[in-house]
Amino acid sequence: MQIIDSAGTAFAATLTVDNRSVIAELNETIDRGPVESTLAITIAQGIPKGQKMDLIIEKCTELGAAAFIPVRSYRVVGERTGEHKIERWQRIAKSAAQQSGRTTIPNVAEIKSWSQLLASFANYDRVYLPWELAEPAELRTWLPAELAGAHRVLFIIGPEGGITADEVALARTAGATPISLGRRILRTETAGLAILSVLAYVRGEM
């Protein structure tokens, strides 16, 4: 069988089970090939209600997100939602990275306001804003070529109530490109997963 340690190294292993004890004998290492994507994707996530952020961090980490920025945009419910949860979200990212055999752990940044997020756009090669009013265009037809040569990419996901027209206008001015995720409106906890899945597929990582 195969065992992966906390650093993402895979070993061929033999397990011996004796009543309630299990002994693992590690043999040679296994070359799994590249585990991490060459495209570093940051998910800027409008903070959702309840425990939804836990799910977003866990599943997006499994799908290869490189980092997370919790965002307090206009329609985020609760003025002080989330500050005390940064450490929790970082632990979830670490656990999900180890469980999925990744070699790096995504960083969960401190919570940013909308203006602070806009000020960070210069750190990325591309910035995209999924928005239900964006002009429809299939991601698979244009996104691979659009991302050619890019290394650091930011996707901004709104909270349950979505992103306001004023926020979209400000993001556009700062350099973001609004994009469509299809004819159906996705929940906030689904959008990032859909984006990462599409990118992994079109880039041959899935």
N, C-alpha and C. Protein backbone atom coordinates (compact mmCIF):
# COMPACT_ATOMS: atom_id res chain seq x y z
N MET A 1 0.84 -1.19 0.00
CA MET A 1 0.00 0.00 0.00
C MET A 1 0.87 1.24 0.00
N GLN A 2 0.25 2.41 -0.10
CA GLN A 2 0.97 3.68 -0.15
C GLN A 2 0.62 4.51 1.07
N ILE A 3 1.66 5.09 1.69
CA ILE A 3 1.48 5.98 2.84
C ILE A 3 2.13 7.31 2.50
N ILE A 4 1.44 8.41 2.80
CA ILE A 4 1.95 9.75 2.54
C ILE A 4 2.17 10.46 3.87
N ASP A 5 3.38 10.97 4.08
CA ASP A 5 3.66 11.64 5.34
C ASP A 5 3.21 13.10 5.29
N SER A 6 3.43 13.82 6.39
CA SER A 6 2.93 15.19 6.50
C SER A 6 3.61 16.15 5.55
N ALA A 7 4.75 15.76 4.98
CA ALA A 7 5.45 16.60 4.01
C ALA A 7 5.04 16.30 2.58
N GLY A 8 4.13 15.33 2.40
CA GLY A 8 3.65 14.98 1.08
C GLY A 8 4.49 13.94 0.37
N THR A 9 5.46 13.31 1.09
CA THR A 9 6.29 12.26 0.50
C THR A 9 5.55 10.93 0.59
N ALA A 10 5.50 10.21 -0.53
CA ALA A 10 4.79 8.92 -0.57
C ALA A 10 5.78 7.77 -0.44
N PHE A 11 5.38 6.76 0.31
CA PHE A 11 6.19 5.58 0.51
C PHE A 11 5.38 4.33 0.19
N ALA A 12 6.04 3.33 -0.39
CA ALA A 12 5.45 2.00 -0.44
C ALA A 12 5.55 1.44 0.96
N ALA A 13 4.49 0.83 1.47
CA ALA A 13 4.49 0.39 2.86
C ALA A 13 3.81 -0.96 3.02
N THR A 14 4.22 -1.65 4.07
CA THR A 14 3.59 -2.91 4.44
C THR A 14 3.01 -2.75 5.83
N LEU A 15 1.73 -3.09 6.00
CA LEU A 15 1.07 -2.99 7.29
C LEU A 15 0.95 -4.36 7.93
N THR A 16 1.27 -4.41 9.22
CA THR A 16 1.08 -5.62 10.00
C THR A 16 0.07 -5.32 11.11
N VAL A 17 -1.02 -6.07 11.12
CA VAL A 17 -2.07 -5.86 12.12
C VAL A 17 -2.03 -7.00 13.13
N ASP A 18 -1.88 -6.63 14.41
CA ASP A 18 -1.84 -7.61 15.49
C ASP A 18 -2.81 -7.16 16.57
N ASN A 19 -3.99 -7.79 16.57
CA ASN A 19 -5.06 -7.38 17.48
C ASN A 19 -5.37 -5.90 17.27
N ARG A 20 -5.06 -5.09 18.29
CA ARG A 20 -5.38 -3.67 18.18
C ARG A 20 -4.22 -2.81 17.72
N SER A 21 -3.07 -3.39 17.49
CA SER A 21 -1.91 -2.60 17.07
C SER A 21 -1.68 -2.76 15.57
N VAL A 22 -1.23 -1.69 14.97
CA VAL A 22 -0.91 -1.68 13.54
C VAL A 22 0.51 -1.14 13.38
N ILE A 23 1.34 -1.90 12.71
CA ILE A 23 2.72 -1.50 12.48
C ILE A 23 2.93 -1.28 10.99
N ALA A 24 3.45 -0.12 10.62
CA ALA A 24 3.71 0.19 9.22
C ALA A 24 5.21 0.14 8.96
N GLU A 25 5.60 -0.66 8.00
CA GLU A 25 7.00 -0.73 7.58
C GLU A 25 7.14 0.04 6.27
N LEU A 26 7.88 1.16 6.33
CA LEU A 26 8.03 1.99 5.14
C LEU A 26 9.18 1.48 4.29
N ASN A 27 8.92 1.34 3.00
CA ASN A 27 9.93 0.87 2.08
C ASN A 27 10.43 2.03 1.22
N GLU A 28 10.54 1.85 -0.07
CA GLU A 28 11.08 2.91 -0.92
C GLU A 28 10.06 4.03 -1.12
N THR A 29 10.60 5.21 -1.44
CA THR A 29 9.72 6.32 -1.74
C THR A 29 9.12 6.13 -3.14
N ILE A 30 7.95 6.72 -3.34
CA ILE A 30 7.25 6.62 -4.61
C ILE A 30 7.21 8.00 -5.26
N ASP A 31 7.62 8.05 -6.52
CA ASP A 31 7.57 9.32 -7.26
C ASP A 31 6.14 9.53 -7.76
N ARG A 32 5.44 10.48 -7.17
CA ARG A 32 4.06 10.76 -7.56
C ARG A 32 3.97 11.80 -8.67
N GLY A 33 5.13 12.32 -9.09
CA GLY A 33 5.10 13.38 -10.08
C GLY A 33 4.70 14.70 -9.42
N PRO A 34 4.53 15.76 -10.21
CA PRO A 34 4.17 17.06 -9.65
C PRO A 34 2.81 17.01 -8.94
N VAL A 35 2.79 17.44 -7.70
CA VAL A 35 1.55 17.45 -6.93
C VAL A 35 0.93 18.85 -6.94
N GLU A 36 1.76 19.85 -6.83
CA GLU A 36 1.28 21.23 -6.80
C GLU A 36 1.21 21.81 -8.21
N SER A 37 0.20 22.61 -8.45
CA SER A 37 0.03 23.25 -9.75
C SER A 37 1.06 24.37 -9.94
N THR A 38 1.44 24.61 -11.17
CA THR A 38 2.32 25.75 -11.46
C THR A 38 1.55 27.07 -11.43
N LEU A 39 0.22 26.98 -11.36
CA LEU A 39 -0.63 28.17 -11.27
C LEU A 39 -1.08 28.34 -9.83
N ALA A 40 -0.62 29.40 -9.19
CA ALA A 40 -0.97 29.66 -7.79
C ALA A 40 -2.27 30.44 -7.74
N ILE A 41 -3.34 29.77 -7.32
CA ILE A 41 -4.67 30.38 -7.31
C ILE A 41 -5.04 30.79 -5.90
N THR A 42 -5.34 32.06 -5.72
CA THR A 42 -5.82 32.57 -4.44
C THR A 42 -7.32 32.78 -4.55
N ILE A 43 -8.04 32.29 -3.55
CA ILE A 43 -9.49 32.50 -3.47
C ILE A 43 -9.77 33.59 -2.44
N ALA A 44 -10.27 34.74 -2.90
CA ALA A 44 -10.72 35.79 -2.00
C ALA A 44 -12.21 35.55 -1.78
N GLN A 45 -12.55 35.13 -0.58
CA GLN A 45 -13.90 34.65 -0.30
C GLN A 45 -14.66 35.60 0.61
N GLY A 46 -15.80 36.13 0.11
CA GLY A 46 -16.69 36.88 0.99
C GLY A 46 -17.15 35.96 2.12
N ILE A 47 -16.97 36.40 3.35
CA ILE A 47 -17.21 35.51 4.50
C ILE A 47 -18.68 35.12 4.57
N PRO A 48 -18.98 33.82 4.49
CA PRO A 48 -20.37 33.36 4.55
C PRO A 48 -20.83 33.16 5.99
N LYS A 49 -22.10 32.88 6.13
CA LYS A 49 -22.66 32.65 7.46
C LYS A 49 -22.30 31.25 7.96
N GLY A 50 -22.39 31.10 9.29
CA GLY A 50 -22.23 29.78 9.90
C GLY A 50 -20.87 29.16 9.65
N GLN A 51 -20.89 27.84 9.35
CA GLN A 51 -19.66 27.07 9.18
C GLN A 51 -19.28 26.86 7.71
N LYS A 52 -19.90 27.62 6.82
CA LYS A 52 -19.64 27.40 5.39
C LYS A 52 -18.18 27.65 5.01
N MET A 53 -17.53 28.59 5.70
CA MET A 53 -16.14 28.87 5.38
C MET A 53 -15.26 27.65 5.65
N ASP A 54 -15.60 26.87 6.65
CA ASP A 54 -14.85 25.64 6.94
C ASP A 54 -14.86 24.73 5.72
N LEU A 55 -16.05 24.55 5.14
CA LEU A 55 -16.19 23.69 3.96
C LEU A 55 -15.41 24.26 2.78
N ILE A 56 -15.50 25.57 2.57
CA ILE A 56 -14.82 26.20 1.45
C ILE A 56 -13.31 26.01 1.57
N ILE A 57 -12.76 26.28 2.75
CA ILE A 57 -11.32 26.13 2.96
C ILE A 57 -10.89 24.68 2.73
N GLU A 58 -11.63 23.75 3.30
CA GLU A 58 -11.27 22.33 3.19
C GLU A 58 -11.29 21.85 1.74
N LYS A 59 -12.39 22.06 1.06
CA LYS A 59 -12.55 21.50 -0.29
C LYS A 59 -11.70 22.24 -1.33
N CYS A 60 -11.57 23.55 -1.19
CA CYS A 60 -10.71 24.29 -2.13
C CYS A 60 -9.25 23.91 -1.94
N THR A 61 -8.87 23.60 -0.71
CA THR A 61 -7.50 23.12 -0.47
C THR A 61 -7.29 21.78 -1.17
N GLU A 62 -8.25 20.88 -1.06
CA GLU A 62 -8.14 19.59 -1.74
C GLU A 62 -8.02 19.77 -3.25
N LEU A 63 -8.66 20.80 -3.80
CA LEU A 63 -8.66 21.03 -5.24
C LEU A 63 -7.48 21.89 -5.70
N GLY A 64 -6.61 22.30 -4.77
CA GLY A 64 -5.36 22.93 -5.17
C GLY A 64 -5.21 24.42 -4.93
N ALA A 65 -6.14 25.06 -4.22
CA ALA A 65 -5.98 26.49 -3.95
C ALA A 65 -4.67 26.74 -3.22
N ALA A 66 -3.98 27.82 -3.60
CA ALA A 66 -2.68 28.14 -3.01
C ALA A 66 -2.82 29.02 -1.77
N ALA A 67 -3.90 29.81 -1.70
CA ALA A 67 -4.08 30.72 -0.58
C ALA A 67 -5.53 31.18 -0.51
N PHE A 68 -5.89 31.72 0.64
CA PHE A 68 -7.25 32.23 0.85
C PHE A 68 -7.18 33.63 1.48
N ILE A 69 -8.09 34.50 1.04
CA ILE A 69 -8.25 35.81 1.67
C ILE A 69 -9.72 35.95 2.08
N PRO A 70 -10.02 35.89 3.36
CA PRO A 70 -11.40 36.16 3.79
C PRO A 70 -11.69 37.65 3.59
N VAL A 71 -12.86 37.94 3.02
CA VAL A 71 -13.18 39.32 2.67
C VAL A 71 -14.49 39.74 3.33
N ARG A 72 -14.46 40.94 3.91
CA ARG A 72 -15.69 41.50 4.47
C ARG A 72 -16.22 42.54 3.49
N SER A 73 -17.02 42.09 2.55
CA SER A 73 -17.62 42.99 1.58
C SER A 73 -18.94 43.53 2.13
N TYR A 74 -19.64 44.34 1.35
CA TYR A 74 -20.81 45.05 1.85
C TYR A 74 -21.92 44.12 2.34
N ARG A 75 -22.13 43.00 1.64
CA ARG A 75 -23.24 42.12 1.98
C ARG A 75 -22.86 40.96 2.90
N VAL A 76 -21.68 41.01 3.46
CA VAL A 76 -21.31 40.01 4.47
C VAL A 76 -22.15 40.28 5.72
N VAL A 77 -22.76 39.24 6.28
CA VAL A 77 -23.62 39.39 7.45
C VAL A 77 -22.76 39.37 8.72
N GLY A 78 -22.91 40.39 9.55
CA GLY A 78 -22.17 40.43 10.81
C GLY A 78 -20.91 41.26 10.67
N GLU A 79 -20.86 42.39 11.35
CA GLU A 79 -19.75 43.32 11.17
C GLU A 79 -18.41 42.72 11.55
N ARG A 80 -18.38 41.93 12.61
CA ARG A 80 -17.10 41.40 13.09
C ARG A 80 -16.96 39.90 12.85
N THR A 81 -17.73 39.38 11.91
CA THR A 81 -17.70 37.95 11.64
C THR A 81 -16.29 37.50 11.25
N GLY A 82 -15.78 36.51 11.96
CA GLY A 82 -14.62 35.79 11.46
C GLY A 82 -13.26 36.06 12.04
N GLU A 83 -12.99 37.21 12.70
CA GLU A 83 -11.63 37.50 13.15
C GLU A 83 -11.05 36.36 13.99
N HIS A 84 -11.86 35.82 14.89
CA HIS A 84 -11.37 34.79 15.81
C HIS A 84 -11.22 33.43 15.13
N LYS A 85 -11.60 33.35 13.86
CA LYS A 85 -11.59 32.05 13.18
C LYS A 85 -10.39 31.84 12.26
N ILE A 86 -9.53 32.83 12.13
CA ILE A 86 -8.39 32.69 11.21
C ILE A 86 -7.55 31.47 11.56
N GLU A 87 -7.24 31.30 12.84
CA GLU A 87 -6.43 30.15 13.26
C GLU A 87 -7.14 28.84 12.96
N ARG A 88 -8.44 28.81 13.18
CA ARG A 88 -9.22 27.61 12.88
C ARG A 88 -9.16 27.29 11.39
N TRP A 89 -9.36 28.30 10.56
CA TRP A 89 -9.33 28.08 9.11
C TRP A 89 -7.95 27.62 8.65
N GLN A 90 -6.89 28.13 9.29
CA GLN A 90 -5.55 27.70 8.93
C GLN A 90 -5.33 26.23 9.30
N ARG A 91 -5.88 25.83 10.44
CA ARG A 91 -5.77 24.41 10.84
C ARG A 91 -6.52 23.52 9.85
N ILE A 92 -7.68 23.98 9.40
CA ILE A 92 -8.45 23.20 8.43
C ILE A 92 -7.67 23.07 7.12
N ALA A 93 -7.05 24.15 6.67
CA ALA A 93 -6.24 24.10 5.45
C ALA A 93 -5.08 23.12 5.61
N LYS A 94 -4.44 23.14 6.76
CA LYS A 94 -3.33 22.22 7.00
C LYS A 94 -3.79 20.78 6.96
N SER A 95 -4.88 20.48 7.65
CA SER A 95 -5.41 19.12 7.69
C SER A 95 -5.82 18.64 6.30
N ALA A 96 -6.49 19.51 5.53
CA ALA A 96 -6.95 19.13 4.19
C ALA A 96 -5.77 18.92 3.26
N ALA A 97 -4.73 19.75 3.39
CA ALA A 97 -3.54 19.59 2.55
C ALA A 97 -2.85 18.26 2.83
N GLN A 98 -2.74 17.92 4.11
CA GLN A 98 -2.10 16.65 4.47
C GLN A 98 -2.94 15.47 4.02
N GLN A 99 -4.25 15.55 4.21
CA GLN A 99 -5.13 14.45 3.82
C GLN A 99 -5.08 14.20 2.33
N SER A 100 -4.95 15.26 1.54
CA SER A 100 -4.97 15.12 0.09
C SER A 100 -3.58 14.91 -0.50
N GLY A 101 -2.56 14.80 0.35
CA GLY A 101 -1.21 14.51 -0.13
C GLY A 101 -0.51 15.68 -0.76
N ARG A 102 -0.89 16.90 -0.41
CA ARG A 102 -0.22 18.08 -0.97
C ARG A 102 1.12 18.31 -0.27
N THR A 103 2.00 19.01 -0.95
CA THR A 103 3.32 19.29 -0.39
C THR A 103 3.43 20.69 0.19
N THR A 104 2.43 21.52 -0.04
CA THR A 104 2.39 22.86 0.57
C THR A 104 1.03 23.09 1.21
N ILE A 105 1.03 23.91 2.24
CA ILE A 105 -0.20 24.24 2.96
C ILE A 105 -0.65 25.65 2.56
N PRO A 106 -1.87 25.80 2.06
CA PRO A 106 -2.34 27.14 1.69
C PRO A 106 -2.36 28.08 2.90
N ASN A 107 -2.03 29.32 2.66
CA ASN A 107 -2.08 30.32 3.72
C ASN A 107 -3.45 30.98 3.77
N VAL A 108 -3.96 31.16 4.98
CA VAL A 108 -5.21 31.90 5.17
C VAL A 108 -4.84 33.28 5.72
N ALA A 109 -5.05 34.30 4.93
CA ALA A 109 -4.64 35.66 5.30
C ALA A 109 -5.60 36.26 6.33
N GLU A 110 -5.20 37.37 6.89
CA GLU A 110 -6.10 38.13 7.75
C GLU A 110 -7.27 38.67 6.92
N ILE A 111 -8.37 38.92 7.58
CA ILE A 111 -9.56 39.41 6.89
C ILE A 111 -9.31 40.80 6.30
N LYS A 112 -9.74 40.98 5.04
CA LYS A 112 -9.56 42.26 4.37
C LYS A 112 -10.92 42.89 4.06
N SER A 113 -10.92 44.21 4.05
CA SER A 113 -12.09 44.95 3.57
C SER A 113 -12.03 44.95 2.04
N TRP A 114 -13.09 45.44 1.40
CA TRP A 114 -13.11 45.49 -0.06
C TRP A 114 -11.99 46.39 -0.59
N SER A 115 -11.79 47.54 0.04
CA SER A 115 -10.74 48.45 -0.42
C SER A 115 -9.36 47.85 -0.22
N GLN A 116 -9.15 47.12 0.86
CA GLN A 116 -7.86 46.46 1.08
C GLN A 116 -7.62 45.38 0.04
N LEU A 117 -8.68 44.67 -0.33
CA LEU A 117 -8.55 43.64 -1.36
C LEU A 117 -8.16 44.27 -2.69
N LEU A 118 -8.82 45.37 -3.06
CA LEU A 118 -8.51 46.03 -4.33
C LEU A 118 -7.06 46.49 -4.36
N ALA A 119 -6.56 46.93 -3.22
CA ALA A 119 -5.18 47.41 -3.16
C ALA A 119 -4.16 46.29 -3.37
N SER A 120 -4.60 45.04 -3.23
CA SER A 120 -3.68 43.91 -3.37
C SER A 120 -3.60 43.38 -4.81
N PHE A 121 -4.39 43.93 -5.73
CA PHE A 121 -4.45 43.40 -7.10
C PHE A 121 -3.08 43.38 -7.78
N ALA A 122 -2.22 44.32 -7.43
CA ALA A 122 -0.90 44.40 -8.09
C ALA A 122 -0.05 43.17 -7.79
N ASN A 123 -0.43 42.39 -6.79
CA ASN A 123 0.32 41.19 -6.43
C ASN A 123 0.02 40.01 -7.34
N TYR A 124 -0.93 40.16 -8.27
CA TYR A 124 -1.39 39.04 -9.08
C TYR A 124 -1.24 39.35 -10.58
N ASP A 125 -1.04 38.29 -11.34
CA ASP A 125 -0.95 38.43 -12.79
C ASP A 125 -2.33 38.63 -13.42
N ARG A 126 -3.34 38.01 -12.84
CA ARG A 126 -4.71 38.12 -13.33
C ARG A 126 -5.65 38.19 -12.11
N VAL A 127 -6.73 38.95 -12.25
CA VAL A 127 -7.76 39.02 -11.21
C VAL A 127 -9.12 38.85 -11.87
N TYR A 128 -9.89 37.88 -11.40
CA TYR A 128 -11.20 37.60 -11.99
C TYR A 128 -12.29 37.69 -10.92
N LEU A 129 -13.44 38.17 -11.34
CA LEU A 129 -14.57 38.39 -10.44
C LEU A 129 -15.80 37.67 -11.00
N PRO A 130 -16.08 36.45 -10.56
CA PRO A 130 -17.32 35.78 -11.00
C PRO A 130 -18.53 36.62 -10.57
N TRP A 131 -19.40 36.89 -11.53
CA TRP A 131 -20.53 37.80 -11.30
C TRP A 131 -21.68 37.36 -12.19
N GLU A 132 -22.87 37.27 -11.61
CA GLU A 132 -24.02 36.75 -12.34
C GLU A 132 -24.43 37.62 -13.52
N LEU A 133 -24.02 38.89 -13.54
CA LEU A 133 -24.38 39.79 -14.63
C LEU A 133 -23.26 39.94 -15.67
N ALA A 134 -22.18 39.18 -15.50
CA ALA A 134 -21.10 39.24 -16.49
C ALA A 134 -21.56 38.61 -17.80
N GLU A 135 -20.97 39.06 -18.89
CA GLU A 135 -21.33 38.52 -20.20
C GLU A 135 -21.01 37.03 -20.27
N PRO A 136 -21.97 36.18 -20.64
CA PRO A 136 -21.72 34.73 -20.65
C PRO A 136 -20.63 34.35 -21.66
N ALA A 137 -19.73 33.49 -21.22
CA ALA A 137 -18.68 32.95 -22.09
C ALA A 137 -18.13 31.71 -21.40
N GLU A 138 -18.05 30.60 -22.13
CA GLU A 138 -17.61 29.34 -21.53
C GLU A 138 -16.14 29.44 -21.10
N LEU A 139 -15.88 29.12 -19.85
CA LEU A 139 -14.53 29.21 -19.32
C LEU A 139 -13.55 28.38 -20.14
N ARG A 140 -13.98 27.20 -20.56
CA ARG A 140 -13.06 26.29 -21.25
C ARG A 140 -12.60 26.83 -22.60
N THR A 141 -13.37 27.78 -23.17
CA THR A 141 -13.03 28.27 -24.51
C THR A 141 -12.01 29.41 -24.49
N TRP A 142 -11.91 30.12 -23.36
CA TRP A 142 -11.02 31.27 -23.36
C TRP A 142 -10.05 31.32 -22.19
N LEU A 143 -10.38 30.66 -21.08
CA LEU A 143 -9.56 30.80 -19.89
C LEU A 143 -8.16 30.19 -20.02
N PRO A 144 -7.99 29.01 -20.64
CA PRO A 144 -6.63 28.46 -20.76
C PRO A 144 -5.66 29.41 -21.46
N ALA A 145 -6.09 29.99 -22.59
CA ALA A 145 -5.23 30.93 -23.31
C ALA A 145 -5.02 32.22 -22.51
N GLU A 146 -6.06 32.65 -21.82
CA GLU A 146 -5.99 33.86 -21.01
C GLU A 146 -4.96 33.72 -19.89
N LEU A 147 -4.83 32.52 -19.36
CA LEU A 147 -3.92 32.28 -18.24
C LEU A 147 -2.51 31.91 -18.67
N ALA A 148 -2.28 31.81 -19.97
CA ALA A 148 -0.95 31.47 -20.46
C ALA A 148 0.07 32.49 -19.97
N GLY A 149 1.13 32.01 -19.35
CA GLY A 149 2.16 32.90 -18.84
C GLY A 149 1.87 33.45 -17.45
N ALA A 150 0.67 33.22 -16.92
CA ALA A 150 0.34 33.71 -15.58
C ALA A 150 0.83 32.72 -14.52
N HIS A 151 1.17 33.23 -13.38
CA HIS A 151 1.58 32.37 -12.26
C HIS A 151 0.70 32.58 -11.04
N ARG A 152 0.41 33.84 -10.73
CA ARG A 152 -0.42 34.15 -9.56
C ARG A 152 -1.75 34.72 -10.03
N VAL A 153 -2.83 34.05 -9.64
CA VAL A 153 -4.17 34.45 -10.10
C VAL A 153 -5.10 34.56 -8.90
N LEU A 154 -5.92 35.60 -8.91
CA LEU A 154 -6.87 35.84 -7.83
C LEU A 154 -8.30 35.71 -8.37
N PHE A 155 -9.12 34.92 -7.69
CA PHE A 155 -10.55 34.83 -7.98
C PHE A 155 -11.30 35.36 -6.76
N ILE A 156 -12.23 36.27 -7.00
CA ILE A 156 -12.99 36.90 -5.92
C ILE A 156 -14.41 36.34 -5.91
N ILE A 157 -14.78 35.73 -4.78
CA ILE A 157 -16.10 35.12 -4.63
C ILE A 157 -16.92 35.93 -3.63
N GLY A 158 -18.10 36.33 -4.03
CA GLY A 158 -18.95 37.12 -3.14
C GLY A 158 -19.61 36.28 -2.07
N PRO A 159 -20.17 36.92 -1.04
CA PRO A 159 -20.90 36.22 0.02
C PRO A 159 -22.29 35.82 -0.45
N GLU A 160 -23.13 35.33 0.47
CA GLU A 160 -24.46 34.86 0.08
C GLU A 160 -25.27 35.91 -0.69
N GLY A 161 -25.16 37.15 -0.28
CA GLY A 161 -25.95 38.19 -0.94
C GLY A 161 -25.34 38.71 -2.22
N GLY A 162 -24.18 38.18 -2.58
CA GLY A 162 -23.53 38.61 -3.82
C GLY A 162 -22.70 39.87 -3.65
N ILE A 163 -22.20 40.36 -4.77
CA ILE A 163 -21.37 41.56 -4.80
C ILE A 163 -22.19 42.70 -5.39
N THR A 164 -22.09 43.87 -4.79
CA THR A 164 -22.90 44.99 -5.27
C THR A 164 -22.34 45.55 -6.58
N ALA A 165 -23.19 46.29 -7.29
CA ALA A 165 -22.76 46.91 -8.55
C ALA A 165 -21.62 47.90 -8.31
N ASP A 166 -21.66 48.61 -7.18
CA ASP A 166 -20.59 49.55 -6.86
C ASP A 166 -19.28 48.81 -6.62
N GLU A 167 -19.33 47.67 -5.94
CA GLU A 167 -18.12 46.89 -5.70
C GLU A 167 -17.54 46.36 -7.01
N VAL A 168 -18.42 45.93 -7.90
CA VAL A 168 -17.96 45.46 -9.21
C VAL A 168 -17.28 46.59 -9.97
N ALA A 169 -17.88 47.77 -9.94
CA ALA A 169 -17.30 48.92 -10.65
C ALA A 169 -15.93 49.27 -10.10
N LEU A 170 -15.79 49.26 -8.79
CA LEU A 170 -14.50 49.56 -8.18
C LEU A 170 -13.46 48.49 -8.53
N ALA A 171 -13.89 47.22 -8.52
CA ALA A 171 -12.97 46.13 -8.85
C ALA A 171 -12.52 46.24 -10.31
N ARG A 172 -13.43 46.59 -11.19
CA ARG A 172 -13.08 46.76 -12.61
C ARG A 172 -12.03 47.86 -12.78
N THR A 173 -12.26 48.96 -12.11
CA THR A 173 -11.33 50.08 -12.20
C THR A 173 -9.95 49.68 -11.69
N ALA A 174 -9.92 48.82 -10.67
CA ALA A 174 -8.65 48.38 -10.08
C ALA A 174 -7.97 47.30 -10.91
N GLY A 175 -8.69 46.75 -11.92
CA GLY A 175 -8.05 45.78 -12.80
C GLY A 175 -8.67 44.40 -12.85
N ALA A 176 -9.79 44.18 -12.16
CA ALA A 176 -10.44 42.86 -12.19
C ALA A 176 -11.28 42.70 -13.45
N THR A 177 -11.41 41.45 -13.89
CA THR A 177 -12.24 41.11 -15.03
C THR A 177 -13.45 40.32 -14.57
N PRO A 178 -14.68 40.85 -14.70
CA PRO A 178 -15.87 40.06 -14.36
C PRO A 178 -16.02 38.88 -15.31
N ILE A 179 -16.37 37.71 -14.77
CA ILE A 179 -16.55 36.52 -15.60
C ILE A 179 -17.85 35.81 -15.22
N SER A 180 -18.34 35.02 -16.15
CA SER A 180 -19.55 34.24 -15.92
C SER A 180 -19.19 32.81 -15.55
N LEU A 181 -19.96 32.22 -14.65
CA LEU A 181 -19.79 30.80 -14.29
C LEU A 181 -20.94 29.97 -14.84
N GLY A 182 -21.55 30.45 -15.90
CA GLY A 182 -22.62 29.68 -16.53
C GLY A 182 -23.99 30.29 -16.32
N ARG A 183 -25.00 29.57 -16.76
CA ARG A 183 -26.37 30.08 -16.75
C ARG A 183 -27.03 29.96 -15.38
N ARG A 184 -26.48 29.13 -14.52
CA ARG A 184 -27.05 28.98 -13.18
C ARG A 184 -26.26 29.80 -12.18
N ILE A 185 -26.95 30.33 -11.19
CA ILE A 185 -26.29 31.10 -10.13
C ILE A 185 -25.83 30.12 -9.05
N LEU A 186 -24.54 30.09 -8.78
CA LEU A 186 -23.98 29.16 -7.81
C LEU A 186 -23.96 29.78 -6.42
N ARG A 187 -24.10 28.93 -5.42
CA ARG A 187 -23.98 29.40 -4.05
C ARG A 187 -22.53 29.81 -3.77
N THR A 188 -22.34 30.63 -2.74
CA THR A 188 -21.00 31.11 -2.42
C THR A 188 -20.04 29.96 -2.11
N GLU A 189 -20.55 28.89 -1.51
CA GLU A 189 -19.68 27.76 -1.16
C GLU A 189 -19.40 26.84 -2.34
N THR A 190 -20.07 27.08 -3.47
CA THR A 190 -19.90 26.24 -4.66
C THR A 190 -18.99 26.90 -5.69
N ALA A 191 -18.98 28.21 -5.76
CA ALA A 191 -18.31 28.92 -6.86
C ALA A 191 -16.81 28.62 -6.92
N GLY A 192 -16.12 28.72 -5.80
CA GLY A 192 -14.68 28.46 -5.80
C GLY A 192 -14.36 27.03 -6.20
N LEU A 193 -15.18 26.09 -5.73
CA LEU A 193 -14.97 24.69 -6.08
C LEU A 193 -15.13 24.48 -7.57
N ALA A 194 -16.13 25.13 -8.17
CA ALA A 194 -16.35 25.00 -9.60
C ALA A 194 -15.17 25.55 -10.39
N ILE A 195 -14.67 26.71 -10.00
CA ILE A 195 -13.54 27.33 -10.70
C ILE A 195 -12.31 26.44 -10.64
N LEU A 196 -11.97 25.96 -9.43
CA LEU A 196 -10.78 25.13 -9.27
C LEU A 196 -10.90 23.82 -10.04
N SER A 197 -12.10 23.25 -10.07
CA SER A 197 -12.31 22.00 -10.80
C SER A 197 -12.13 22.21 -12.29
N VAL A 198 -12.70 23.30 -12.83
CA VAL A 198 -12.56 23.59 -14.26
C VAL A 198 -11.10 23.79 -14.61
N LEU A 199 -10.38 24.57 -13.80
CA LEU A 199 -8.98 24.84 -14.10
C LEU A 199 -8.13 23.58 -14.03
N ALA A 200 -8.39 22.73 -13.04
CA ALA A 200 -7.63 21.48 -12.93
C ALA A 200 -7.86 20.60 -14.16
N TYR A 201 -9.09 20.61 -14.65
CA TYR A 201 -9.42 19.77 -15.81
C TYR A 201 -8.77 20.30 -17.09
N VAL A 202 -8.96 21.59 -17.37
CA VAL A 202 -8.45 22.12 -18.63
C VAL A 202 -6.92 22.17 -18.65
N ARG A 203 -6.29 22.18 -17.46
CA ARG A 203 -4.84 22.20 -17.40
C ARG A 203 -4.23 20.80 -17.29
N GLY A 204 -5.08 19.79 -17.39
CA GLY A 204 -4.60 18.42 -17.37
C GLY A 204 -4.16 17.93 -16.01
N GLU A 205 -4.70 18.52 -14.94
CA GLU A 205 -4.31 18.11 -13.59
C GLU A 205 -5.36 17.21 -12.96
N MET A 206 -6.38 16.85 -13.73
CA MET A 206 -7.47 16.04 -13.17
C MET A 206 -7.96 15.06 -14.23
